[in-house]
Every structure is written in C-alpha cells, then in structure tokens.
Amino acid sequence: METRNDLNQNHIKNLTRRKNAMRRWTVLLDEAIRIPIVGIRVGLDAIFGVVPVLGDIVGGILSTVLIWHAIRIGAPRSLVFKMMGNIVIELLVGLIPVIGDFFDVIWRSNRKNFDMLEEYIDIRLMEYGVESERLVTAKEGVVSAQSSALPVFVFSSLLLFALCLGFYFVLTVMPGLEMAF
C-alpha cells in the first residue's frame, strides 16, 4: 500500500514530467527555428500559419495539447479559459492574410499559455516543498527578460514596409486597376 509520501512523490514526478513535455511542445510550436539576420525564433505554428486558413486551423489544433495537459493536471477553469482565449485570438487574427502571419510570430499563444501553466505548476510544487529553478532565480533577482521590444519593432517595421510596398505596387505598377468603393 502506498503511503501519502509515495503519492506526493508520484504527483511531483507527474507534474515535473508534464511540465518538461509542455516546455518541449511550446518550443516546437513557437521557437524551434531561429531566423538568421533578424534573430527571431519561429515554430511550426507560424510556419503552418503561412498556409491560408488550413494552416491556422492546424496550428490551433496543435495548440490545444497544452490545454489537454492543463486539464490533466487539474488546472483551474479560469486558467484553462485564459489559455483557450489566447488560442482563439491567435486563430482569428491568423486568418487575416499577411498580418496574421506576423501576428503568429509576435503573439506566441503557446509561450503565453506555457508560462501561465508553468507558474501554476511551480506553485503546486511549492506546496510539496519543491522549489522550481524559475522561482529560485526570481528570488535571487537573476531573472532575465524572455522577450524584448526589438522583435516587435522589427516585425512592425517589416509589416509597415510590406504595406507601403503593396500600396506602391497597386498605385504605380497597376495604374489601370480600378478600386470599387
């Protein structure tokens, strides 16, 4: 017969195992490939998002794996609904051509969802007397920013440049084009 301590140890192992699996899944979906020159990381979610509609739907479906893990570990409904909201926002904005592709890279719903879930798991682990590496470094004041304004600035600039180039193309290269308003 398992004692309470054995059950706690099994629960700690389960939480840690799921946390590591979710971290790998998040990296695969949001940060697997580094784009040279700009230094921005993208994952399968952004790559699939290039395919109109179908790619965004596939990315949304893959993102639900984190929600499945959240439900399995007993995360509160409010957290699960926030995670769903992040996925829905990314899915809906991702349906907009070009803008949605940039939004996929910037928004990173899987990273947002993992960070919220990791915080929940770390709090649960603290209840068992286990301190996570993330919480220990936060206490020591060695926290490094996971994101900076530079990628947002670069993508915003690229988006603005693409829009200007598109308008230039429409106005100069295609002068016979009539717009119906």
N, C-alpha and C. Protein backbone atom coordinates (compact mmCIF):
# COMPACT_ATOMS: atom_id res chain seq x y z
N MET A 1 0.83 -1.18 0.00
CA MET A 1 0.00 0.00 0.00
C MET A 1 0.88 1.25 0.00
N GLU A 2 0.52 2.19 -0.86
CA GLU A 2 1.32 3.41 -0.97
C GLU A 2 0.98 4.37 0.16
N THR A 3 2.01 4.95 0.72
CA THR A 3 1.80 5.94 1.76
C THR A 3 1.53 7.30 1.13
N ARG A 4 1.14 8.24 1.97
CA ARG A 4 0.87 9.60 1.49
C ARG A 4 2.12 10.20 0.86
N ASN A 5 3.29 9.92 1.45
CA ASN A 5 4.54 10.44 0.92
C ASN A 5 4.82 9.89 -0.47
N ASP A 6 4.52 8.59 -0.69
CA ASP A 6 4.70 7.99 -2.01
C ASP A 6 3.78 8.64 -3.04
N LEU A 7 2.54 8.89 -2.64
CA LEU A 7 1.59 9.55 -3.54
C LEU A 7 2.06 10.95 -3.89
N ASN A 8 2.58 11.66 -2.88
CA ASN A 8 3.11 13.00 -3.15
C ASN A 8 4.29 12.95 -4.11
N GLN A 9 5.18 11.98 -3.90
CA GLN A 9 6.34 11.84 -4.79
C GLN A 9 5.90 11.53 -6.22
N ASN A 10 4.90 10.66 -6.36
CA ASN A 10 4.38 10.35 -7.70
C ASN A 10 3.75 11.58 -8.35
N HIS A 11 3.03 12.37 -7.54
CA HIS A 11 2.41 13.59 -8.07
C HIS A 11 3.48 14.60 -8.49
N ILE A 12 4.53 14.72 -7.69
CA ILE A 12 5.64 15.64 -8.04
C ILE A 12 6.29 15.19 -9.34
N LYS A 13 6.54 13.89 -9.47
CA LYS A 13 7.14 13.37 -10.71
C LYS A 13 6.24 13.62 -11.91
N ASN A 14 4.94 13.41 -11.72
CA ASN A 14 3.98 13.61 -12.81
C ASN A 14 3.95 15.09 -13.24
N LEU A 15 3.89 16.00 -12.27
CA LEU A 15 3.87 17.43 -12.60
C LEU A 15 5.16 17.84 -13.32
N THR A 16 6.28 17.37 -12.82
CA THR A 16 7.57 17.71 -13.44
C THR A 16 7.67 17.14 -14.84
N ARG A 17 7.24 15.90 -15.02
CA ARG A 17 7.28 15.26 -16.34
C ARG A 17 6.40 16.02 -17.33
N ARG A 18 5.19 16.36 -16.91
CA ARG A 18 4.28 17.10 -17.81
C ARG A 18 4.82 18.49 -18.13
N LYS A 19 5.41 19.13 -17.13
CA LYS A 19 5.98 20.47 -17.34
C LYS A 19 7.09 20.40 -18.39
N ASN A 20 7.94 19.41 -18.30
CA ASN A 20 9.02 19.27 -19.29
C ASN A 20 8.48 18.95 -20.67
N ALA A 21 7.45 18.11 -20.74
CA ALA A 21 6.84 17.77 -22.04
C ALA A 21 6.20 19.01 -22.65
N MET A 22 5.52 19.80 -21.82
CA MET A 22 4.86 21.02 -22.32
C MET A 22 5.90 22.04 -22.77
N ARG A 23 7.02 22.11 -22.07
CA ARG A 23 8.09 23.04 -22.48
C ARG A 23 8.61 22.65 -23.87
N ARG A 24 8.86 21.37 -24.10
CA ARG A 24 9.34 20.92 -25.41
C ARG A 24 8.30 21.20 -26.50
N TRP A 25 7.03 20.98 -26.20
CA TRP A 25 5.95 21.22 -27.16
C TRP A 25 5.87 22.70 -27.51
N THR A 26 6.01 23.55 -26.49
CA THR A 26 5.96 25.00 -26.70
C THR A 26 7.10 25.46 -27.59
N VAL A 27 8.29 24.96 -27.33
CA VAL A 27 9.45 25.33 -28.16
C VAL A 27 9.22 24.87 -29.59
N LEU A 28 8.71 23.68 -29.78
CA LEU A 28 8.46 23.17 -31.12
C LEU A 28 7.44 24.05 -31.86
N LEU A 29 6.40 24.47 -31.18
CA LEU A 29 5.35 25.25 -31.85
C LEU A 29 5.69 26.73 -32.01
N ASP A 30 6.48 27.30 -31.09
CA ASP A 30 6.70 28.74 -31.14
C ASP A 30 8.14 29.19 -31.33
N GLU A 31 9.13 28.33 -31.08
CA GLU A 31 10.51 28.82 -31.05
C GLU A 31 11.53 27.86 -31.64
N ALA A 32 11.13 26.93 -32.46
CA ALA A 32 12.03 25.86 -32.91
C ALA A 32 13.13 26.33 -33.86
N ILE A 33 12.85 27.31 -34.70
CA ILE A 33 13.79 27.72 -35.74
C ILE A 33 14.15 29.18 -35.56
N ARG A 34 15.45 29.46 -35.60
CA ARG A 34 15.92 30.86 -35.50
C ARG A 34 16.11 31.40 -36.90
N ILE A 35 15.47 32.56 -37.17
CA ILE A 35 15.63 33.20 -38.47
C ILE A 35 16.93 33.99 -38.44
N PRO A 36 17.86 33.67 -39.35
CA PRO A 36 19.14 34.40 -39.35
C PRO A 36 18.93 35.88 -39.64
N ILE A 37 19.87 36.65 -39.35
CA ILE A 37 19.92 38.10 -39.53
C ILE A 37 19.03 38.81 -38.50
N VAL A 38 17.73 38.52 -38.48
CA VAL A 38 16.84 39.19 -37.53
C VAL A 38 16.92 38.57 -36.14
N GLY A 39 17.27 37.29 -36.07
CA GLY A 39 17.42 36.62 -34.78
C GLY A 39 16.12 36.24 -34.09
N ILE A 40 15.02 36.28 -34.81
CA ILE A 40 13.73 35.94 -34.23
C ILE A 40 13.50 34.44 -34.39
N ARG A 41 12.91 33.85 -33.36
CA ARG A 41 12.63 32.42 -33.40
C ARG A 41 11.17 32.20 -33.79
N VAL A 42 10.94 31.23 -34.66
CA VAL A 42 9.59 30.84 -35.05
C VAL A 42 9.46 29.33 -34.88
N GLY A 43 8.24 28.87 -34.84
CA GLY A 43 7.99 27.45 -34.70
C GLY A 43 7.02 26.95 -35.74
N LEU A 44 6.59 25.73 -35.54
CA LEU A 44 5.68 25.12 -36.51
C LEU A 44 4.36 25.88 -36.63
N ASP A 45 3.91 26.49 -35.55
CA ASP A 45 2.66 27.24 -35.59
C ASP A 45 2.74 28.37 -36.61
N ALA A 46 3.82 29.13 -36.60
CA ALA A 46 3.98 30.23 -37.56
C ALA A 46 4.20 29.70 -38.98
N ILE A 47 4.90 28.59 -39.10
CA ILE A 47 5.15 28.02 -40.42
C ILE A 47 3.85 27.50 -41.03
N PHE A 48 3.07 26.77 -40.22
CA PHE A 48 1.77 26.29 -40.73
C PHE A 48 0.85 27.46 -41.06
N GLY A 49 0.97 28.55 -40.29
CA GLY A 49 0.11 29.70 -40.49
C GLY A 49 0.26 30.36 -41.84
N VAL A 50 1.35 30.09 -42.55
CA VAL A 50 1.55 30.65 -43.88
C VAL A 50 0.52 30.11 -44.86
N VAL A 51 0.08 28.87 -44.64
CA VAL A 51 -0.96 28.28 -45.49
C VAL A 51 -2.30 28.88 -45.05
N PRO A 52 -2.97 29.61 -45.95
CA PRO A 52 -4.21 30.29 -45.55
C PRO A 52 -5.26 29.33 -44.98
N VAL A 53 -5.91 29.74 -43.96
CA VAL A 53 -7.00 29.09 -43.24
C VAL A 53 -6.60 27.72 -42.69
N LEU A 54 -6.27 26.77 -43.54
CA LEU A 54 -5.96 25.42 -43.10
C LEU A 54 -4.77 25.40 -42.13
N GLY A 55 -3.74 26.17 -42.45
CA GLY A 55 -2.56 26.22 -41.58
C GLY A 55 -2.88 26.77 -40.20
N ASP A 56 -3.74 27.80 -40.16
CA ASP A 56 -4.13 28.37 -38.87
C ASP A 56 -4.97 27.39 -38.07
N ILE A 57 -5.82 26.65 -38.74
CA ILE A 57 -6.65 25.65 -38.05
C ILE A 57 -5.76 24.54 -37.49
N VAL A 58 -4.80 24.07 -38.27
CA VAL A 58 -3.88 23.03 -37.80
C VAL A 58 -3.07 23.55 -36.60
N GLY A 59 -2.59 24.80 -36.70
CA GLY A 59 -1.85 25.40 -35.59
C GLY A 59 -2.71 25.49 -34.33
N GLY A 60 -3.97 25.87 -34.50
CA GLY A 60 -4.89 25.94 -33.35
C GLY A 60 -5.12 24.59 -32.72
N ILE A 61 -5.26 23.57 -33.56
CA ILE A 61 -5.47 22.21 -33.04
C ILE A 61 -4.23 21.74 -32.27
N LEU A 62 -3.04 22.00 -32.83
CA LEU A 62 -1.81 21.61 -32.14
C LEU A 62 -1.65 22.35 -30.81
N SER A 63 -2.12 23.57 -30.76
CA SER A 63 -2.02 24.37 -29.54
C SER A 63 -2.88 23.81 -28.41
N THR A 64 -3.91 23.07 -28.74
CA THR A 64 -4.79 22.53 -27.70
C THR A 64 -4.13 21.43 -26.87
N VAL A 65 -2.97 20.94 -27.29
CA VAL A 65 -2.26 19.94 -26.49
C VAL A 65 -1.93 20.50 -25.11
N LEU A 66 -1.55 21.78 -25.06
CA LEU A 66 -1.26 22.39 -23.76
C LEU A 66 -2.51 22.47 -22.89
N ILE A 67 -3.65 22.71 -23.52
CA ILE A 67 -4.90 22.75 -22.76
C ILE A 67 -5.22 21.36 -22.21
N TRP A 68 -4.98 20.33 -23.01
CA TRP A 68 -5.19 18.96 -22.55
C TRP A 68 -4.33 18.68 -21.31
N HIS A 69 -3.05 19.08 -21.37
CA HIS A 69 -2.17 18.88 -20.22
C HIS A 69 -2.68 19.66 -19.00
N ALA A 70 -3.15 20.89 -19.23
CA ALA A 70 -3.65 21.72 -18.13
C ALA A 70 -4.83 21.03 -17.44
N ILE A 71 -5.72 20.47 -18.23
CA ILE A 71 -6.88 19.78 -17.66
C ILE A 71 -6.43 18.53 -16.90
N ARG A 72 -5.47 17.81 -17.46
CA ARG A 72 -4.99 16.58 -16.82
C ARG A 72 -4.33 16.83 -15.47
N ILE A 73 -3.67 17.99 -15.31
CA ILE A 73 -3.01 18.25 -14.02
C ILE A 73 -3.94 18.96 -13.04
N GLY A 74 -5.16 19.24 -13.48
CA GLY A 74 -6.13 19.85 -12.58
C GLY A 74 -6.04 21.36 -12.48
N ALA A 75 -5.60 22.02 -13.53
CA ALA A 75 -5.52 23.48 -13.53
C ALA A 75 -6.92 24.08 -13.38
N PRO A 76 -7.02 25.22 -12.72
CA PRO A 76 -8.35 25.83 -12.54
C PRO A 76 -8.98 26.23 -13.87
N ARG A 77 -10.30 26.25 -13.89
CA ARG A 77 -11.03 26.59 -15.12
C ARG A 77 -10.64 27.95 -15.64
N SER A 78 -10.43 28.90 -14.74
CA SER A 78 -10.08 30.26 -15.18
C SER A 78 -8.79 30.25 -15.99
N LEU A 79 -7.82 29.45 -15.58
CA LEU A 79 -6.57 29.34 -16.32
C LEU A 79 -6.79 28.68 -17.67
N VAL A 80 -7.58 27.62 -17.70
CA VAL A 80 -7.87 26.92 -18.96
C VAL A 80 -8.59 27.86 -19.93
N PHE A 81 -9.52 28.67 -19.42
CA PHE A 81 -10.25 29.60 -20.29
C PHE A 81 -9.32 30.70 -20.82
N LYS A 82 -8.39 31.17 -20.00
CA LYS A 82 -7.42 32.16 -20.48
C LYS A 82 -6.56 31.56 -21.60
N MET A 83 -6.16 30.30 -21.42
CA MET A 83 -5.37 29.63 -22.44
C MET A 83 -6.17 29.48 -23.73
N MET A 84 -7.43 29.11 -23.59
CA MET A 84 -8.29 28.99 -24.78
C MET A 84 -8.43 30.34 -25.48
N GLY A 85 -8.57 31.40 -24.69
CA GLY A 85 -8.69 32.74 -25.25
C GLY A 85 -7.47 33.12 -26.07
N ASN A 86 -6.27 32.79 -25.57
CA ASN A 86 -5.04 33.07 -26.33
C ASN A 86 -5.04 32.34 -27.67
N ILE A 87 -5.49 31.11 -27.66
CA ILE A 87 -5.51 30.32 -28.90
C ILE A 87 -6.54 30.89 -29.87
N VAL A 88 -7.70 31.24 -29.36
CA VAL A 88 -8.76 31.79 -30.23
C VAL A 88 -8.30 33.11 -30.86
N ILE A 89 -7.67 33.97 -30.05
CA ILE A 89 -7.17 35.24 -30.60
C ILE A 89 -6.17 34.98 -31.71
N GLU A 90 -5.22 34.07 -31.45
CA GLU A 90 -4.22 33.77 -32.48
C GLU A 90 -4.87 33.17 -33.73
N LEU A 91 -5.86 32.33 -33.53
CA LEU A 91 -6.54 31.70 -34.66
C LEU A 91 -7.30 32.72 -35.49
N LEU A 92 -8.05 33.59 -34.84
CA LEU A 92 -8.86 34.56 -35.57
C LEU A 92 -8.00 35.60 -36.29
N VAL A 93 -7.00 36.14 -35.61
CA VAL A 93 -6.14 37.13 -36.26
C VAL A 93 -5.28 36.44 -37.32
N GLY A 94 -4.91 35.19 -37.06
CA GLY A 94 -4.10 34.44 -38.03
C GLY A 94 -4.81 34.21 -39.35
N LEU A 95 -6.11 34.30 -39.37
CA LEU A 95 -6.86 34.12 -40.61
C LEU A 95 -6.71 35.30 -41.57
N ILE A 96 -6.27 36.45 -41.07
CA ILE A 96 -6.06 37.62 -41.92
C ILE A 96 -4.76 37.42 -42.69
N PRO A 97 -4.82 37.47 -44.03
CA PRO A 97 -3.59 37.26 -44.81
C PRO A 97 -2.49 38.24 -44.44
N VAL A 98 -1.28 37.81 -44.46
CA VAL A 98 -0.04 38.53 -44.17
C VAL A 98 0.00 39.04 -42.72
N ILE A 99 -0.95 39.86 -42.33
CA ILE A 99 -0.96 40.41 -40.97
C ILE A 99 -1.03 39.26 -39.96
N GLY A 100 -1.84 38.27 -40.26
CA GLY A 100 -1.97 37.13 -39.37
C GLY A 100 -0.68 36.34 -39.22
N ASP A 101 0.09 36.27 -40.29
CA ASP A 101 1.37 35.56 -40.22
C ASP A 101 2.35 36.27 -39.29
N PHE A 102 2.40 37.60 -39.39
CA PHE A 102 3.25 38.36 -38.48
C PHE A 102 2.74 38.25 -37.05
N PHE A 103 1.43 38.28 -36.89
CA PHE A 103 0.83 38.19 -35.57
C PHE A 103 1.17 36.85 -34.92
N ASP A 104 1.17 35.77 -35.68
CA ASP A 104 1.53 34.44 -35.15
C ASP A 104 2.91 34.47 -34.50
N VAL A 105 3.83 35.14 -35.15
CA VAL A 105 5.21 35.19 -34.65
C VAL A 105 5.31 36.06 -33.41
N ILE A 106 4.57 37.15 -33.39
CA ILE A 106 4.66 38.09 -32.27
C ILE A 106 3.83 37.62 -31.06
N TRP A 107 2.63 37.13 -31.28
CA TRP A 107 1.71 36.79 -30.19
C TRP A 107 2.18 35.58 -29.39
N ARG A 108 2.58 34.51 -30.06
CA ARG A 108 3.09 33.29 -29.42
C ARG A 108 2.16 32.78 -28.30
N SER A 109 0.98 32.38 -28.70
CA SER A 109 0.00 31.93 -27.71
C SER A 109 0.49 30.72 -26.92
N ASN A 110 1.26 29.85 -27.56
CA ASN A 110 1.76 28.67 -26.84
C ASN A 110 2.74 29.07 -25.75
N ARG A 111 3.59 30.04 -26.01
CA ARG A 111 4.54 30.52 -25.00
C ARG A 111 3.77 31.17 -23.85
N LYS A 112 2.77 31.99 -24.17
CA LYS A 112 1.95 32.63 -23.13
C LYS A 112 1.26 31.56 -22.28
N ASN A 113 0.69 30.57 -22.95
CA ASN A 113 -0.03 29.52 -22.23
C ASN A 113 0.92 28.70 -21.37
N PHE A 114 2.08 28.37 -21.89
CA PHE A 114 3.04 27.59 -21.11
C PHE A 114 3.50 28.39 -19.89
N ASP A 115 3.77 29.68 -20.08
CA ASP A 115 4.24 30.49 -18.94
C ASP A 115 3.19 30.52 -17.83
N MET A 116 1.91 30.67 -18.19
CA MET A 116 0.85 30.67 -17.17
C MET A 116 0.76 29.30 -16.48
N LEU A 117 0.85 28.25 -17.28
CA LEU A 117 0.76 26.90 -16.74
C LEU A 117 1.98 26.56 -15.89
N GLU A 118 3.14 27.00 -16.31
CA GLU A 118 4.36 26.76 -15.53
C GLU A 118 4.26 27.43 -14.16
N GLU A 119 3.73 28.64 -14.14
CA GLU A 119 3.57 29.33 -12.86
C GLU A 119 2.62 28.54 -11.94
N TYR A 120 1.54 28.03 -12.52
CA TYR A 120 0.60 27.23 -11.73
C TYR A 120 1.29 25.96 -11.22
N ILE A 121 2.03 25.28 -12.07
CA ILE A 121 2.72 24.05 -11.66
C ILE A 121 3.75 24.34 -10.57
N ASP A 122 4.49 25.44 -10.74
CA ASP A 122 5.51 25.79 -9.75
C ASP A 122 4.87 26.06 -8.38
N ILE A 123 3.71 26.69 -8.38
CA ILE A 123 3.01 26.93 -7.12
C ILE A 123 2.57 25.60 -6.50
N ARG A 124 2.08 24.71 -7.34
CA ARG A 124 1.69 23.37 -6.85
C ARG A 124 2.89 22.62 -6.28
N LEU A 125 4.03 22.72 -6.97
CA LEU A 125 5.24 22.04 -6.49
C LEU A 125 5.72 22.63 -5.17
N MET A 126 5.55 23.95 -5.01
CA MET A 126 5.94 24.58 -3.74
C MET A 126 5.12 24.03 -2.59
N GLU A 127 3.88 23.65 -2.85
CA GLU A 127 3.04 23.06 -1.81
C GLU A 127 3.64 21.76 -1.28
N TYR A 128 4.41 21.07 -2.15
CA TYR A 128 5.07 19.83 -1.74
C TYR A 128 6.50 20.08 -1.28
N GLY A 129 6.89 21.35 -1.18
CA GLY A 129 8.23 21.67 -0.72
C GLY A 129 9.29 21.64 -1.80
N VAL A 130 8.89 21.61 -3.05
CA VAL A 130 9.84 21.58 -4.16
C VAL A 130 9.88 22.97 -4.80
N GLU A 131 11.07 23.55 -4.86
CA GLU A 131 11.19 24.85 -5.49
C GLU A 131 11.71 24.66 -6.91
N SER A 132 11.04 25.34 -7.85
CA SER A 132 11.48 25.23 -9.24
C SER A 132 12.65 26.16 -9.48
N GLU A 133 13.40 25.86 -10.52
CA GLU A 133 14.56 26.68 -10.88
C GLU A 133 14.13 28.11 -11.20
N ARG A 134 12.98 28.24 -11.84
CA ARG A 134 12.48 29.56 -12.23
C ARG A 134 12.19 30.41 -11.00
N LEU A 135 11.58 29.82 -9.99
CA LEU A 135 11.26 30.58 -8.78
C LEU A 135 12.50 30.90 -7.98
N VAL A 136 13.47 30.00 -7.97
CA VAL A 136 14.71 30.25 -7.23
C VAL A 136 15.45 31.41 -7.86
N THR A 137 15.58 31.43 -9.19
CA THR A 137 16.29 32.53 -9.84
C THR A 137 15.52 33.84 -9.69
N ALA A 138 14.20 33.79 -9.63
CA ALA A 138 13.42 35.01 -9.42
C ALA A 138 13.67 35.57 -8.03
N LYS A 139 13.80 34.69 -7.05
CA LYS A 139 14.08 35.15 -5.69
C LYS A 139 15.47 35.78 -5.60
N GLU A 140 16.41 35.26 -6.38
CA GLU A 140 17.78 35.77 -6.34
C GLU A 140 17.93 37.05 -7.16
N GLY A 141 16.90 37.43 -7.88
CA GLY A 141 16.97 38.64 -8.69
C GLY A 141 17.76 38.47 -9.97
N VAL A 142 17.85 37.26 -10.48
CA VAL A 142 18.62 36.99 -11.67
C VAL A 142 17.70 36.74 -12.86
N VAL A 143 16.49 37.24 -12.78
CA VAL A 143 15.52 37.00 -13.84
C VAL A 143 15.92 37.76 -15.09
N SER A 144 15.95 37.06 -16.21
CA SER A 144 16.25 37.72 -17.47
C SER A 144 14.96 37.84 -18.26
N ALA A 145 14.84 38.89 -19.02
CA ALA A 145 13.64 39.11 -19.83
C ALA A 145 13.58 38.06 -20.92
N GLN A 146 12.42 37.41 -21.04
CA GLN A 146 12.27 36.37 -22.06
C GLN A 146 12.01 36.97 -23.43
N SER A 147 11.54 38.18 -23.45
CA SER A 147 11.30 38.82 -24.73
C SER A 147 11.68 40.27 -24.60
N SER A 148 11.97 40.87 -25.71
CA SER A 148 12.31 42.29 -25.69
C SER A 148 11.47 43.00 -26.73
N ALA A 149 11.60 44.29 -26.76
CA ALA A 149 10.82 45.09 -27.71
C ALA A 149 11.41 45.00 -29.12
N LEU A 150 12.66 44.58 -29.25
CA LEU A 150 13.29 44.55 -30.57
C LEU A 150 12.56 43.67 -31.57
N PRO A 151 12.18 42.42 -31.26
CA PRO A 151 11.46 41.63 -32.26
C PRO A 151 10.14 42.27 -32.67
N VAL A 152 9.43 42.87 -31.73
CA VAL A 152 8.18 43.53 -32.06
C VAL A 152 8.44 44.71 -32.98
N PHE A 153 9.47 45.48 -32.68
CA PHE A 153 9.82 46.63 -33.51
C PHE A 153 10.20 46.18 -34.92
N VAL A 154 11.02 45.13 -35.02
CA VAL A 154 11.47 44.65 -36.33
C VAL A 154 10.27 44.17 -37.15
N PHE A 155 9.40 43.38 -36.55
CA PHE A 155 8.26 42.88 -37.31
C PHE A 155 7.26 43.99 -37.64
N SER A 156 7.09 44.94 -36.74
CA SER A 156 6.21 46.07 -37.05
C SER A 156 6.77 46.86 -38.22
N SER A 157 8.08 47.05 -38.22
CA SER A 157 8.72 47.78 -39.33
C SER A 157 8.58 47.01 -40.63
N LEU A 158 8.79 45.70 -40.58
CA LEU A 158 8.65 44.88 -41.79
C LEU A 158 7.21 44.90 -42.29
N LEU A 159 6.27 44.86 -41.39
CA LEU A 159 4.86 44.91 -41.77
C LEU A 159 4.53 46.24 -42.43
N LEU A 160 4.99 47.33 -41.84
CA LEU A 160 4.77 48.65 -42.42
C LEU A 160 5.41 48.75 -43.80
N PHE A 161 6.63 48.25 -43.93
CA PHE A 161 7.32 48.26 -45.22
C PHE A 161 6.54 47.46 -46.26
N ALA A 162 6.04 46.27 -45.86
CA ALA A 162 5.26 45.44 -46.79
C ALA A 162 3.99 46.15 -47.24
N LEU A 163 3.32 46.82 -46.31
CA LEU A 163 2.11 47.55 -46.67
C LEU A 163 2.41 48.70 -47.63
N CYS A 164 3.47 49.45 -47.34
CA CYS A 164 3.86 50.55 -48.23
C CYS A 164 4.24 50.02 -49.61
N LEU A 165 4.98 48.93 -49.65
CA LEU A 165 5.37 48.32 -50.92
C LEU A 165 4.13 47.86 -51.69
N GLY A 166 3.16 47.30 -50.98
CA GLY A 166 1.92 46.87 -51.62
C GLY A 166 1.16 48.04 -52.21
N PHE A 167 1.04 49.14 -51.46
CA PHE A 167 0.36 50.32 -51.99
C PHE A 167 1.11 50.90 -53.18
N TYR A 168 2.43 50.94 -53.11
CA TYR A 168 3.24 51.44 -54.22
C TYR A 168 2.99 50.58 -55.46
N PHE A 169 2.96 49.27 -55.28
CA PHE A 169 2.72 48.36 -56.40
C PHE A 169 1.35 48.62 -57.02
N VAL A 170 0.35 48.76 -56.16
CA VAL A 170 -1.01 48.97 -56.66
C VAL A 170 -1.13 50.32 -57.38
N LEU A 171 -0.49 51.35 -56.86
CA LEU A 171 -0.64 52.68 -57.44
C LEU A 171 0.23 52.94 -58.66
N THR A 172 1.39 52.30 -58.75
CA THR A 172 2.29 52.59 -59.86
C THR A 172 2.35 51.49 -60.91
N VAL A 173 2.47 50.27 -60.48
CA VAL A 173 2.64 49.17 -61.42
C VAL A 173 1.32 48.80 -62.07
N MET A 174 0.24 48.98 -61.35
CA MET A 174 -1.06 48.61 -61.88
C MET A 174 -1.96 49.84 -62.00
N PRO A 175 -1.60 50.80 -62.87
CA PRO A 175 -2.37 52.04 -62.94
C PRO A 175 -3.79 51.83 -63.48
N GLY A 176 -4.00 50.77 -64.24
CA GLY A 176 -5.32 50.55 -64.80
C GLY A 176 -6.30 49.90 -63.82
N LEU A 177 -5.82 49.59 -62.64
CA LEU A 177 -6.67 48.93 -61.65
C LEU A 177 -7.68 49.94 -61.07
N GLU A 178 -8.94 49.62 -61.15
CA GLU A 178 -9.96 50.48 -60.58
C GLU A 178 -10.45 49.88 -59.27
N MET A 179 -10.45 50.71 -58.27
CA MET A 179 -10.92 50.23 -56.97
C MET A 179 -12.39 50.60 -56.81
N ALA A 180 -13.17 49.67 -56.40
CA ALA A 180 -14.61 49.91 -56.20
C ALA A 180 -14.85 50.15 -54.72
N PHE A 181 -15.23 51.33 -54.39
CA PHE A 181 -15.56 51.66 -53.00
C PHE A 181 -17.00 52.03 -52.89
